[in-house]
Protein backbone atom coordinates (compact mmCIF):
# COMPACT_ATOMS: atom_id res chain seq x y z
CA UNK A 1 -47.07 92.42 -179.60
CA UNK A 2 -46.55 95.61 -182.31
CA UNK A 3 -43.06 97.16 -182.13
CA UNK A 4 -43.78 100.49 -179.96
CA UNK A 5 -45.35 98.02 -177.81
CA UNK A 6 -42.14 95.90 -177.76
CA UNK A 7 -39.93 98.78 -176.95
CA UNK A 8 -42.27 100.24 -174.13
CA UNK A 9 -42.37 96.70 -172.56
CA UNK A 10 -38.28 96.75 -172.94
CA UNK A 11 -37.83 99.92 -171.24
CA UNK A 12 -40.56 98.93 -168.44
CA UNK A 13 -38.19 96.03 -167.77
CA UNK A 14 -34.79 98.07 -168.04
CA UNK A 15 -36.71 100.57 -165.24
CA UNK A 16 -37.29 97.31 -162.97
CA UNK A 17 -40.94 96.97 -163.99
CA UNK A 18 -41.55 93.47 -164.83
CA UNK A 19 -43.49 92.86 -168.18
CA UNK A 20 -44.90 89.17 -168.41
CA UNK A 21 -45.76 89.61 -172.22
CA UNK A 22 -41.66 90.21 -172.79
CA UNK A 23 -40.81 87.65 -170.45
CA UNK A 24 -42.61 85.22 -172.22
CA UNK A 25 -40.69 85.93 -174.92
CA UNK A 26 -37.26 85.54 -174.04
CA UNK A 27 -35.83 82.37 -174.60
CA UNK A 28 -33.96 81.44 -171.50
CA UNK A 29 -30.83 79.29 -173.35
CA UNK A 30 -28.91 78.75 -170.02
CA UNK A 31 -30.26 81.57 -168.32
CA UNK A 32 -33.57 82.87 -166.87
CA UNK A 33 -35.06 86.21 -168.66
CA UNK A 34 -34.34 87.64 -165.78
CA UNK A 35 -30.94 87.13 -165.66
CA UNK A 36 -30.69 88.16 -169.12
CA UNK A 37 -32.53 91.69 -168.27
CA UNK A 38 -29.98 91.98 -165.63
CA UNK A 39 -27.55 92.41 -168.09
CA UNK A 40 -29.24 95.01 -170.15
CA UNK A 41 -30.14 96.81 -166.84
CA UNK A 42 -26.29 96.76 -165.28
CA UNK A 43 -25.15 98.42 -169.00
CA UNK A 44 -27.45 100.90 -168.65
CA UNK A 45 -27.41 102.03 -165.05
CA UNK A 46 -23.32 102.11 -166.28
CA UNK A 47 -24.17 104.36 -169.29
CA UNK A 48 -26.58 106.60 -166.96
CA UNK A 49 -23.56 106.74 -164.40
CA UNK A 50 -21.23 107.40 -166.74
CA UNK A 51 -23.67 110.74 -168.18
CA UNK A 52 -24.37 111.85 -164.75
CA UNK A 53 -20.22 111.55 -164.17
CA UNK A 54 -19.88 114.06 -167.10
CA UNK A 55 -22.26 116.16 -166.93
CA UNK A 56 -21.49 117.42 -163.19
CA UNK A 57 -18.08 116.96 -162.92
CA UNK A 58 -17.54 119.37 -160.05
CA UNK A 59 -20.29 117.21 -158.25
CA UNK A 60 -18.63 114.51 -158.48
CA UNK A 61 -15.26 115.72 -157.19
CA UNK A 62 -17.06 117.34 -153.90
CA UNK A 63 -19.21 113.97 -153.60
CA UNK A 64 -16.15 111.56 -154.21
CA UNK A 65 -16.81 108.41 -156.52
CA UNK A 66 -18.43 105.64 -154.38
CA UNK A 67 -21.12 108.39 -152.94
CA UNK A 68 -21.71 109.84 -155.73
CA UNK A 69 -21.93 106.57 -157.38
CA UNK A 70 -24.62 105.63 -154.31
CA UNK A 71 -26.40 108.86 -154.66
CA UNK A 72 -26.56 108.20 -159.13
CA UNK A 73 -28.08 104.96 -158.36
CA UNK A 74 -31.15 106.20 -156.55
CA UNK A 75 -31.50 109.16 -159.15
CA UNK A 76 -31.39 106.51 -161.69
CA UNK A 77 -34.00 104.32 -160.10
CA UNK A 78 -36.53 107.46 -159.97
CA UNK A 79 -35.85 109.27 -163.02
CA UNK A 80 -34.75 106.79 -165.79
CA UNK A 81 -33.76 107.93 -169.32
CA UNK A 82 -36.73 107.72 -171.80
CA UNK A 83 -34.20 108.55 -174.69
CA UNK A 84 -31.58 107.01 -176.19
CA UNK A 85 -30.36 110.54 -176.40
CA UNK A 86 -28.27 111.06 -172.96
CA UNK A 87 -26.39 114.02 -173.83
CA UNK A 88 -29.73 115.21 -172.35
CA UNK A 89 -30.19 113.17 -169.12
CA UNK A 90 -29.75 114.47 -165.64
CA UNK A 91 -31.60 117.65 -166.05
CA UNK A 92 -33.67 116.74 -162.38
CA UNK A 93 -30.33 116.00 -160.64
CA UNK A 94 -30.48 119.34 -159.20
CA UNK A 95 -34.18 118.90 -157.69
CA UNK A 96 -33.01 115.44 -156.46
CA UNK A 97 -29.77 116.93 -154.55
CA UNK A 98 -31.87 119.54 -153.09
CA UNK A 99 -34.58 116.85 -151.85
CA UNK A 100 -31.32 114.87 -150.92
CA UNK A 101 -29.85 117.45 -148.94
CA UNK A 102 -33.12 117.38 -146.61
CA UNK A 103 -32.89 113.65 -145.89
CA UNK A 104 -28.99 112.83 -145.57
CA UNK A 105 -27.25 114.34 -142.65
CA UNK A 106 -23.79 113.49 -143.91
CA UNK A 107 -24.81 116.37 -147.07
CA UNK A 108 -25.16 119.42 -144.13
CA UNK A 109 -21.83 120.43 -144.77
CA UNK A 110 -22.65 120.94 -148.46
CA UNK A 111 -25.99 123.31 -148.73
CA UNK A 112 -24.45 124.17 -152.17
CA UNK A 113 -24.57 121.40 -153.85
CA UNK A 114 -28.12 122.10 -155.32
CA UNK A 115 -27.15 125.66 -156.82
CA UNK A 116 -23.67 123.71 -158.12
CA UNK A 117 -25.50 121.03 -159.78
CA UNK A 118 -27.98 123.60 -161.77
CA UNK A 119 -24.71 125.86 -162.80
CA UNK A 120 -23.90 122.29 -164.35
CA UNK A 121 -26.38 121.69 -165.81
CA UNK A 122 -27.04 125.04 -167.05
CA UNK A 123 -23.52 124.63 -168.78
CA UNK A 124 -24.33 121.61 -170.23
CA UNK A 125 -27.59 122.06 -171.56
CA UNK A 126 -25.84 125.06 -173.11
CA UNK A 127 -23.91 123.61 -175.12
CA UNK A 128 -27.20 121.86 -176.62
CA UNK A 129 -29.08 124.43 -177.19
CA UNK A 130 -31.02 125.04 -180.79
CA UNK A 131 -28.92 127.68 -182.52
CA UNK A 132 -30.18 131.43 -182.94
CA UNK A 133 -30.53 133.72 -185.90
CA UNK A 134 -28.87 137.32 -185.98
CA UNK A 135 -30.50 139.99 -184.82
CA UNK A 136 -32.36 142.17 -187.42
CA UNK A 137 -31.35 145.85 -186.68
CA UNK A 138 -32.85 146.97 -190.17
CA UNK A 139 -35.98 145.49 -189.25
CA UNK A 140 -36.61 146.93 -186.04
CA UNK A 141 -35.12 150.55 -187.41
CA UNK A 142 -38.03 150.02 -189.96
CA UNK A 143 -40.69 150.29 -187.24
CA UNK A 144 -42.55 153.19 -186.32
CA UNK A 145 -42.00 154.04 -182.47
CA UNK A 146 -45.16 153.09 -181.34
CA UNK A 147 -44.91 149.58 -183.03
CA UNK A 148 -41.32 149.82 -181.41
CA UNK A 149 -42.38 150.15 -178.06
CA UNK A 150 -44.44 147.18 -178.32
CA UNK A 151 -41.89 144.95 -179.38
CA UNK A 152 -41.10 141.67 -176.93
CA UNK A 153 -37.17 140.91 -177.18
CA UNK A 154 -36.10 137.08 -177.29
CA UNK A 155 -32.87 135.66 -175.60
CA UNK A 156 -30.50 133.23 -176.88
CA UNK A 157 -31.91 129.78 -176.74
CA UNK A 158 -27.92 128.49 -174.78
CA UNK A 159 -28.77 131.54 -172.00
CA UNK A 160 -29.28 130.20 -168.49
CA UNK A 161 -30.20 132.27 -165.55
CA UNK A 162 -29.50 131.47 -162.12
CA UNK A 163 -29.16 133.50 -158.62
CA UNK A 164 -27.66 131.61 -155.18
CA UNK A 165 -26.95 132.41 -151.79
CA UNK A 166 -23.72 130.79 -151.98
CA UNK A 167 -20.16 131.42 -153.83
CA UNK A 168 -20.85 128.45 -156.15
CA UNK A 169 -19.23 130.37 -159.38
CA UNK A 170 -15.78 130.48 -157.25
CA UNK A 171 -16.20 126.56 -156.48
CA UNK A 172 -17.25 126.05 -159.84
CA UNK A 173 -13.89 128.13 -161.20
CA UNK A 174 -11.92 126.80 -158.92
CA UNK A 175 -12.26 122.92 -159.68
CA UNK A 176 -12.41 123.43 -163.70
CA UNK A 177 -8.89 125.43 -163.12
CA UNK A 178 -7.67 122.34 -161.34
CA UNK A 179 -7.89 123.80 -157.72
CA UNK A 180 -10.69 121.97 -155.95
CA UNK A 181 -8.28 122.69 -152.66
CA UNK A 182 -8.93 126.38 -153.08
CA UNK A 183 -10.30 128.45 -150.17
CA UNK A 184 -13.79 129.86 -151.57
CA UNK A 185 -15.00 132.89 -149.08
CA UNK A 186 -18.20 133.23 -148.08
CA UNK A 187 -20.42 135.90 -150.00
CA UNK A 188 -22.74 138.15 -148.07
CA UNK A 189 -25.25 138.66 -150.89
CA UNK A 190 -26.87 136.88 -153.73
CA UNK A 191 -24.35 135.87 -156.69
CA UNK A 192 -26.33 136.33 -160.23
CA UNK A 193 -24.96 133.79 -162.88
CA UNK A 194 -26.00 133.74 -166.37
CA UNK A 195 -24.37 130.53 -168.71
CA UNK A 196 -24.83 130.35 -172.59
CA UNK A 197 -22.99 129.45 -175.92
CA UNK A 198 -20.37 131.55 -177.37
CA UNK A 199 -19.30 129.11 -180.51
CA UNK A 200 -18.40 126.04 -178.99
CA UNK A 201 -17.49 127.53 -175.41
CA UNK A 202 -20.22 127.44 -172.93
CA UNK A 203 -18.84 130.48 -170.43
CA UNK A 204 -20.23 131.08 -166.97
CA UNK A 205 -20.04 135.24 -166.11
CA UNK A 206 -21.29 136.78 -162.70
CA UNK A 207 -23.42 139.52 -163.56
CA UNK A 208 -25.15 142.35 -162.22
CA UNK A 209 -28.74 142.16 -160.36
CA UNK A 210 -30.24 144.54 -163.00
CA UNK A 211 -28.25 142.66 -165.61
CA UNK A 212 -30.08 139.15 -163.88
CA UNK A 213 -33.52 141.32 -163.38
CA UNK A 214 -33.48 142.56 -167.06
CA UNK A 215 -32.55 139.55 -168.91
CA UNK A 216 -35.54 137.75 -166.35
CA UNK A 217 -38.09 140.43 -167.62
CA UNK A 218 -37.19 139.67 -171.22
CA UNK A 219 -37.65 136.35 -170.58
CA UNK A 220 -40.93 136.83 -169.16
CA UNK A 221 -41.87 138.97 -172.49
CA UNK A 222 -41.91 142.32 -171.07
CA UNK A 223 -41.88 145.03 -174.27
CA UNK A 224 -39.44 147.55 -174.70
CA UNK A 225 -41.65 149.94 -173.69
CA UNK A 226 -41.90 148.55 -170.29
CA UNK A 227 -38.19 147.62 -169.78
CA UNK A 228 -37.74 151.32 -170.34
CA UNK A 229 -40.39 152.39 -167.48
CA UNK A 230 -38.73 155.22 -165.70
CA UNK A 231 -35.71 154.18 -162.65
CA UNK A 232 -37.36 150.24 -163.69
CA UNK A 233 -33.38 149.60 -165.33
CA UNK A 234 -31.44 152.53 -164.42
CA UNK A 235 -28.91 151.24 -166.89
CA UNK A 236 -30.79 149.37 -169.75
CA UNK A 237 -29.31 151.91 -172.10
CA UNK A 238 -26.25 150.67 -170.93
CA UNK A 239 -26.61 146.96 -171.20
CA UNK A 240 -29.31 146.01 -173.55
CA UNK A 241 -26.56 147.04 -176.02
CA UNK A 242 -23.89 145.02 -174.56
CA UNK A 243 -26.62 142.03 -174.48
CA UNK A 244 -27.33 142.14 -178.15
CA UNK A 245 -23.23 142.33 -178.45
CA UNK A 246 -22.91 139.41 -176.47
CA UNK A 247 -25.26 137.32 -178.22
CA UNK A 248 -27.54 137.10 -175.31
CA UNK A 249 -30.58 138.92 -176.96
CA UNK A 250 -30.96 137.49 -180.40
CA UNK A 251 -34.42 138.94 -181.65
CA UNK A 252 -37.52 140.40 -181.52
CA UNK A 253 -41.26 139.75 -181.91
CA UNK A 254 -44.33 141.83 -182.38
CA UNK A 255 -47.51 140.56 -180.17
CA UNK A 256 -49.89 138.85 -182.73
CA UNK A 257 -46.85 137.50 -184.90
């Protein structure tokens, strides 16, 4: 068994899949091979559970320590980490909670939980996103009008967008401001949010529907000409400079480059 096969077998055992070749290599010394692996499994669960607690602190507060631990155990069994960096563990947690909400009647009063978890994940992931280059105004200014019209803008690597019919921004803010018992009013229309990294902070901001749709169109690689189509985005002349100033739009490219 080479090193790669050994590592793969070890991860299989950690995730509850028995590997007879690895079991044969483990020297009992007073404990069975499975008992020895249980020590590693316990440590692995503890590390992944701790990572989920740190990444989703508001979900933890809402669910409570005991229930969160139960749910985390199910998640870890279904979505074991396949890499050592636990800072990027938990991406599937929001979808997992969305499925869980359909199955667990005790969660009926928390229909917003999966949206809240997605906001927490996006906010966490923003911190670890790749760095961005500065917007090159000079290069854009040197382009001919026809060439400039075909340009596609690029978003900040750390920027994420979210739309929800629940007041998750107020819920998230209340818990981060040490006021988890604060009364949160229902909302009558969808809420549009973005989160991003600004220096060493990762703020969450409420944005307008048009700002959300404009940023989504940029993410979908619409050209400047398409973004500027008549009546599509009435406030583009105001929003686009703000996006660049805030660092939400960080660059551009021409098709074929």
